[in-house]
């Protein structure tokens, strides 16, 4: 079982020229859907309310074969509202609640059988839930591969020193880390992006991957460094591209039977050639996602083999 812990929310867009639009969002939730579409059994541990928006989220996950063992709670579902001005500029309003008492109370049962646990984004930086997520990662670490994507949100988590401290806690526990060049530039403004990734690798992960948009991804592992070009594609929008990349990256490692703590040594000695193949697969997933509207990750038939 692959387990994803993190936030899900409703992205709502309001403008004077079109009816309001609402769709399911949240970086970790997108990763769970991406893994399931690639044929991997996945469960999503996150919160949503017992309301209309919460039912939208639950239905979206169910329709994509993602298990949701946590029950809806009595609080409103989190919402991010974008208000567009006549020129198309957006101002944002966030109504976020991040706490997971069910995870804390049922941790052992929920993590049973997990061979890979992924988390990141707001879930690892917004209290009080971030502490529960860290506890779950610590609990899962002896048995599961841990993956992490900081997916920084400076408009929500504005204290960069706090964000850096939180990110480093999870990096130190992770086997696989993916970050965008923008993440690393924000967290470490006085350091080269690749050097920041190398510093993270020295903290314990087997692999640190940096996504760089049209430049393509780059990765560093114990045996060296690797990069691939971004596939040429027509860009509709970039929503969910990083999450599709993350899901395919993890899926490719699972396909190579590199998940589970018993395979941690093998993962930490992955070859540069294997890394390049994994990066190419993940980059293809991201390219397919940006070629269509919204966070719509590919399935295995579309993406092909690893």
Protein backbone atom coordinates (compact mmCIF):
# COMPACT_ATOMS: atom_id res chain seq x y z
CA UNK A 1 0.00 0.00 0.00
CA UNK A 2 1.18 3.49 -0.87
CA UNK A 3 0.08 6.13 1.62
CA UNK A 4 -0.16 9.86 0.98
CA UNK A 5 -0.69 12.25 3.89
CA UNK A 6 -1.57 15.85 3.28
CA UNK A 7 -4.04 18.55 2.51
CA UNK A 8 -6.88 18.64 0.05
CA UNK A 9 -9.05 21.66 -0.57
CA UNK A 10 -11.40 23.30 -3.01
CA UNK A 11 -9.96 25.82 -5.45
CA UNK A 12 -12.66 28.37 -6.23
CA UNK A 13 -12.38 31.03 -8.93
CA UNK A 14 -14.62 34.10 -8.91
CA UNK A 15 -14.75 36.81 -11.57
CA UNK A 16 -17.14 39.41 -12.93
CA UNK A 17 -17.15 37.86 -16.39
CA UNK A 18 -17.92 34.18 -15.73
CA UNK A 19 -19.85 31.97 -13.29
CA UNK A 20 -17.90 30.83 -10.19
CA UNK A 21 -15.85 27.68 -10.72
CA UNK A 22 -14.83 25.17 -8.07
CA UNK A 23 -12.63 22.11 -8.39
CA UNK A 24 -10.78 19.72 -6.11
CA UNK A 25 -7.17 20.64 -5.35
CA UNK A 26 -4.28 20.08 -2.99
CA UNK A 27 -0.78 18.88 -3.89
CA UNK A 28 -0.69 15.65 -1.82
CA UNK A 29 -4.19 14.71 -2.95
CA UNK A 30 -3.07 15.11 -6.58
CA UNK A 31 -0.13 12.79 -5.93
CA UNK A 32 -2.45 10.12 -4.50
CA UNK A 33 -4.65 10.33 -7.60
CA UNK A 34 -1.60 10.19 -9.85
CA UNK A 35 -0.32 7.04 -8.15
CA UNK A 36 -3.71 5.35 -8.38
CA UNK A 37 -4.03 6.19 -12.08
CA UNK A 38 -0.68 4.49 -12.62
CA UNK A 39 -2.12 1.32 -11.13
CA UNK A 40 -0.68 1.49 -7.62
CA UNK A 41 -2.92 0.81 -4.60
CA UNK A 42 -3.03 4.13 -2.77
CA UNK A 43 -4.72 5.60 0.27
CA UNK A 44 -5.07 9.28 1.09
CA UNK A 45 -4.99 10.50 4.69
CA UNK A 46 -6.27 14.06 4.82
CA UNK A 47 -9.15 16.07 6.18
CA UNK A 48 -12.31 17.42 4.61
CA UNK A 49 -15.65 18.44 6.04
CA UNK A 50 -19.04 16.79 5.97
CA UNK A 51 -20.34 19.37 3.50
CA UNK A 52 -20.85 19.85 -0.24
CA UNK A 53 -17.19 20.54 -0.91
CA UNK A 54 -16.12 17.60 1.22
CA UNK A 55 -18.37 15.33 -0.81
CA UNK A 56 -16.77 16.67 -4.00
CA UNK A 57 -13.36 15.66 -2.65
CA UNK A 58 -14.53 12.24 -1.46
CA UNK A 59 -16.18 11.49 -4.82
CA UNK A 60 -13.11 12.62 -6.75
CA UNK A 61 -10.87 10.29 -4.75
CA UNK A 62 -13.34 7.39 -4.97
CA UNK A 63 -13.72 7.84 -8.72
CA UNK A 64 -9.95 7.51 -9.02
CA UNK A 65 -9.78 4.37 -6.85
CA UNK A 66 -8.01 6.13 -3.96
CA UNK A 67 -8.93 4.78 -0.53
CA UNK A 68 -10.01 7.32 2.10
CA UNK A 69 -10.00 5.61 5.52
CA UNK A 70 -10.41 8.87 7.48
CA UNK A 71 -13.95 10.09 8.00
CA UNK A 72 -15.17 13.58 7.14
CA UNK A 73 -15.08 15.84 10.19
CA UNK A 74 -17.42 18.50 11.54
CA UNK A 75 -15.42 21.49 10.27
CA UNK A 76 -15.82 23.23 6.90
CA UNK A 77 -13.74 21.92 4.02
CA UNK A 78 -10.73 24.13 3.31
CA UNK A 79 -11.17 26.56 0.41
CA UNK A 80 -8.74 28.70 -1.59
CA UNK A 81 -10.60 31.46 -3.41
CA UNK A 82 -9.09 33.35 -6.32
CA UNK A 83 -10.84 36.60 -7.24
CA UNK A 84 -9.99 37.78 -10.75
CA UNK A 85 -9.98 41.47 -11.64
CA UNK A 86 -11.02 42.70 -15.12
CA UNK A 87 -7.41 42.37 -16.32
CA UNK A 88 -7.20 38.75 -15.13
CA UNK A 89 -5.07 39.42 -12.07
CA UNK A 90 -5.89 37.34 -9.01
CA UNK A 91 -6.12 38.05 -5.31
CA UNK A 92 -6.36 35.09 -2.99
CA UNK A 93 -8.25 34.27 0.17
CA UNK A 94 -7.52 31.09 2.10
CA UNK A 95 -9.81 29.41 4.60
CA UNK A 96 -7.58 26.60 5.78
CA UNK A 97 -7.87 24.19 8.67
CA UNK A 98 -5.14 21.61 9.03
CA UNK A 99 -5.44 19.14 11.87
CA UNK A 100 -5.57 15.35 11.82
CA UNK A 101 -6.63 13.99 15.21
CA UNK A 102 -7.83 10.79 13.51
CA UNK A 103 -4.33 10.17 12.20
CA UNK A 104 -2.84 10.68 15.64
CA UNK A 105 -5.37 8.38 17.30
CA UNK A 106 -5.31 5.61 14.63
CA UNK A 107 -1.72 5.91 13.45
CA UNK A 108 -0.64 2.29 13.81
CA UNK A 109 -3.71 0.88 12.07
CA UNK A 110 -3.65 3.45 9.25
CA UNK A 111 0.02 2.85 8.45
CA UNK A 112 -0.11 -0.94 8.61
CA UNK A 113 1.17 -2.46 5.36
CA UNK A 114 2.49 0.84 4.00
CA UNK A 115 5.61 0.34 1.88
CA UNK A 116 5.89 3.99 0.82
CA UNK A 117 4.66 7.13 2.54
CA UNK A 118 4.57 10.45 0.74
CA UNK A 119 3.85 13.86 2.22
CA UNK A 120 4.62 17.51 1.69
CA UNK A 121 3.34 21.01 0.99
CA UNK A 122 1.09 22.83 3.49
CA UNK A 123 0.57 19.64 5.50
CA UNK A 124 4.17 19.65 6.72
CA UNK A 125 4.28 23.34 7.63
CA UNK A 126 0.90 24.40 8.99
CA UNK A 127 0.19 23.62 12.62
CA UNK A 128 -1.35 21.90 14.45
CA UNK A 129 -1.50 19.19 11.79
CA UNK A 130 2.17 19.39 10.77
CA UNK A 131 3.21 17.86 14.10
CA UNK A 132 0.89 14.90 13.51
CA UNK A 133 2.31 14.40 10.01
CA UNK A 134 5.87 14.42 11.36
CA UNK A 135 4.84 11.85 13.97
CA UNK A 136 3.36 9.61 11.28
CA UNK A 137 6.53 9.84 9.18
CA UNK A 138 8.64 8.92 12.19
CA UNK A 139 6.33 5.97 12.88
CA UNK A 140 6.42 4.73 9.27
CA UNK A 141 10.16 5.20 8.71
CA UNK A 142 11.35 1.81 10.06
CA UNK A 143 9.09 0.00 7.58
CA UNK A 144 8.47 2.28 4.61
CA UNK A 145 10.22 4.39 2.02
CA UNK A 146 9.59 8.05 2.83
CA UNK A 147 9.16 10.70 0.14
CA UNK A 148 8.79 14.44 0.58
CA UNK A 149 7.98 17.47 -1.57
CA UNK A 150 8.10 20.83 0.27
CA UNK A 151 6.01 22.49 -2.46
CA UNK A 152 6.40 25.79 -0.62
CA UNK A 153 3.51 28.22 -0.37
CA UNK A 154 5.08 31.57 0.66
CA UNK A 155 1.68 33.32 0.62
CA UNK A 156 0.44 30.91 3.30
CA UNK A 157 3.61 30.01 5.23
CA UNK A 158 5.31 33.39 5.16
CA UNK A 159 8.11 32.78 7.69
CA UNK A 160 10.96 31.41 5.59
CA UNK A 161 13.08 30.50 8.62
CA UNK A 162 10.25 28.38 10.01
CA UNK A 163 9.59 26.84 6.60
CA UNK A 164 13.27 25.97 6.20
CA UNK A 165 13.36 24.37 9.64
CA UNK A 166 10.25 22.31 8.91
CA UNK A 167 11.51 21.23 5.50
CA UNK A 168 14.81 20.03 6.95
CA UNK A 169 13.02 17.90 9.55
CA UNK A 170 11.29 15.98 6.77
CA UNK A 171 14.32 15.88 4.46
CA UNK A 172 16.32 14.20 7.24
CA UNK A 173 13.71 11.42 7.41
CA UNK A 174 13.13 11.08 3.67
CA UNK A 175 14.55 8.65 1.13
CA UNK A 176 13.25 10.55 -1.90
CA UNK A 177 12.94 14.33 -2.03
CA UNK A 178 11.55 16.39 -4.90
CA UNK A 179 11.63 20.19 -4.90
CA UNK A 180 11.23 22.85 -7.55
CA UNK A 181 14.00 25.32 -8.25
CA UNK A 182 11.61 28.00 -6.93
CA UNK A 183 11.26 26.12 -3.63
CA UNK A 184 15.00 25.96 -3.12
CA UNK A 185 15.56 29.58 -4.20
CA UNK A 186 13.03 30.72 -1.60
CA UNK A 187 14.34 28.51 1.18
CA UNK A 188 18.03 29.20 0.46
CA UNK A 189 18.25 32.51 -1.42
CA UNK A 190 22.01 32.85 -0.96
CA UNK A 191 22.90 29.42 -2.32
CA UNK A 192 22.91 27.79 -5.75
CA UNK A 193 19.94 25.47 -6.29
CA UNK A 194 22.08 22.43 -7.08
CA UNK A 195 24.26 23.05 -4.06
CA UNK A 196 21.14 23.20 -1.87
CA UNK A 197 20.06 19.84 -3.28
CA UNK A 198 23.50 18.37 -2.58
CA UNK A 199 23.32 19.67 0.98
CA UNK A 200 19.95 17.97 1.38
CA UNK A 201 21.36 14.70 0.04
CA UNK A 202 24.04 14.87 2.72
CA UNK A 203 21.26 14.97 5.34
CA UNK A 204 20.23 11.39 4.53
CA UNK A 205 18.01 10.94 1.44
CA UNK A 206 18.88 8.50 -1.34
CA UNK A 207 17.79 10.93 -4.03
CA UNK A 208 17.07 14.64 -4.32
CA UNK A 209 15.33 15.76 -7.50
CA UNK A 210 14.96 19.36 -8.65
CA UNK A 211 12.31 20.26 -11.20
CA UNK A 212 13.20 23.23 -13.39
CA UNK A 213 10.22 23.76 -15.66
CA UNK A 214 11.17 23.84 -19.34
CA UNK A 215 14.82 23.07 -18.46
CA UNK A 216 13.86 19.58 -17.35
CA UNK A 217 14.56 17.80 -14.05
CA UNK A 218 17.95 17.24 -12.45
CA UNK A 219 18.80 14.79 -9.67
CA UNK A 220 21.65 13.96 -7.35
CA UNK A 221 22.26 10.56 -5.76
CA UNK A 222 25.25 8.99 -4.02
CA UNK A 223 26.64 7.72 -7.31
CA UNK A 224 26.41 11.00 -9.17
CA UNK A 225 24.11 13.45 -10.91
CA UNK A 226 21.69 13.13 -13.80
CA UNK A 227 19.30 15.25 -15.81
CA UNK A 228 16.93 14.93 -18.75
CA UNK A 229 15.37 17.44 -21.10
CA UNK A 230 11.72 18.37 -20.69
CA UNK A 231 9.64 16.80 -23.48
CA UNK A 232 8.38 19.23 -26.09
CA UNK A 233 4.67 19.82 -25.61
CA UNK A 234 1.93 22.41 -26.03
CA UNK A 235 1.24 24.02 -22.67
CA UNK A 236 -2.39 24.61 -21.71
CA UNK A 237 -1.60 25.29 -18.05
CA UNK A 238 0.90 24.07 -15.48
CA UNK A 239 -1.60 23.17 -12.75
CA UNK A 240 -0.64 19.90 -11.10
CA UNK A 241 2.45 19.31 -13.24
CA UNK A 242 4.77 18.94 -10.24
CA UNK A 243 2.33 16.55 -8.56
CA UNK A 244 2.11 14.38 -11.68
CA UNK A 245 5.90 14.36 -11.82
CA UNK A 246 6.06 13.30 -8.17
CA UNK A 247 3.52 10.49 -8.64
CA UNK A 248 5.31 9.12 -11.71
CA UNK A 249 8.71 9.39 -10.00
CA UNK A 250 7.45 7.33 -7.08
CA UNK A 251 5.58 4.96 -9.36
CA UNK A 252 8.75 4.28 -11.34
CA UNK A 253 10.65 3.45 -8.15
CA UNK A 254 7.86 1.12 -7.01
CA UNK A 255 7.89 -0.58 -10.43
CA UNK A 256 11.59 -1.24 -9.85
CA UNK A 257 10.75 -2.77 -6.45
CA UNK A 258 12.68 -0.10 -4.57
CA UNK A 259 9.97 0.67 -2.01
CA UNK A 260 9.97 -0.58 1.56
CA UNK A 261 12.57 -0.12 4.27
CA UNK A 262 14.05 -3.54 3.49
CA UNK A 263 15.10 -2.11 0.09
CA UNK A 264 16.45 1.16 1.49
CA UNK A 265 20.05 0.14 0.86
CA UNK A 266 19.28 -0.70 -2.78
CA UNK A 267 17.54 2.64 -3.24
CA UNK A 268 20.50 4.46 -1.71
CA UNK A 269 22.79 2.81 -4.25
CA UNK A 270 20.60 3.42 -7.30
CA UNK A 271 22.65 3.92 -10.46
CA UNK A 272 22.81 7.14 -12.42
CA UNK A 273 21.41 5.28 -15.44
CA UNK A 274 18.37 4.16 -13.44
CA UNK A 275 17.87 7.69 -12.17
CA UNK A 276 17.88 9.03 -15.72
CA UNK A 277 15.19 6.56 -16.78
CA UNK A 278 13.06 7.46 -13.76
CA UNK A 279 13.45 11.18 -14.47
CA UNK A 280 12.44 10.70 -18.11
CA UNK A 281 9.31 8.81 -17.08
CA UNK A 282 8.33 11.47 -14.54
CA UNK A 283 9.05 14.29 -17.00
CA UNK A 284 6.77 12.65 -19.55
CA UNK A 285 3.98 12.54 -16.96
CA UNK A 286 4.41 16.25 -16.25
CA UNK A 287 4.42 17.06 -19.97
CA UNK A 288 1.16 15.18 -20.51
CA UNK A 289 -0.39 17.06 -17.59
CA UNK A 290 0.54 20.53 -18.83
CA UNK A 291 -0.85 19.69 -22.26
CA UNK A 292 -4.40 19.67 -20.85
CA UNK A 293 -6.37 21.83 -18.47
CA UNK A 294 -6.18 21.37 -14.71
CA UNK A 295 -4.54 18.80 -12.45
CA UNK A 296 -5.25 15.80 -14.65
CA UNK A 297 -2.41 13.26 -14.27
CA UNK A 298 -1.95 10.51 -16.87
CA UNK A 299 -2.85 6.87 -16.44
CA UNK A 300 -0.50 3.98 -17.13
CA UNK A 301 -1.82 3.41 -20.65
CA UNK A 302 -1.05 7.02 -21.58
CA UNK A 303 2.35 7.05 -19.94
CA UNK A 304 3.56 3.61 -20.98
CA UNK A 305 6.17 1.55 -19.19
CA UNK A 306 8.99 2.77 -17.00
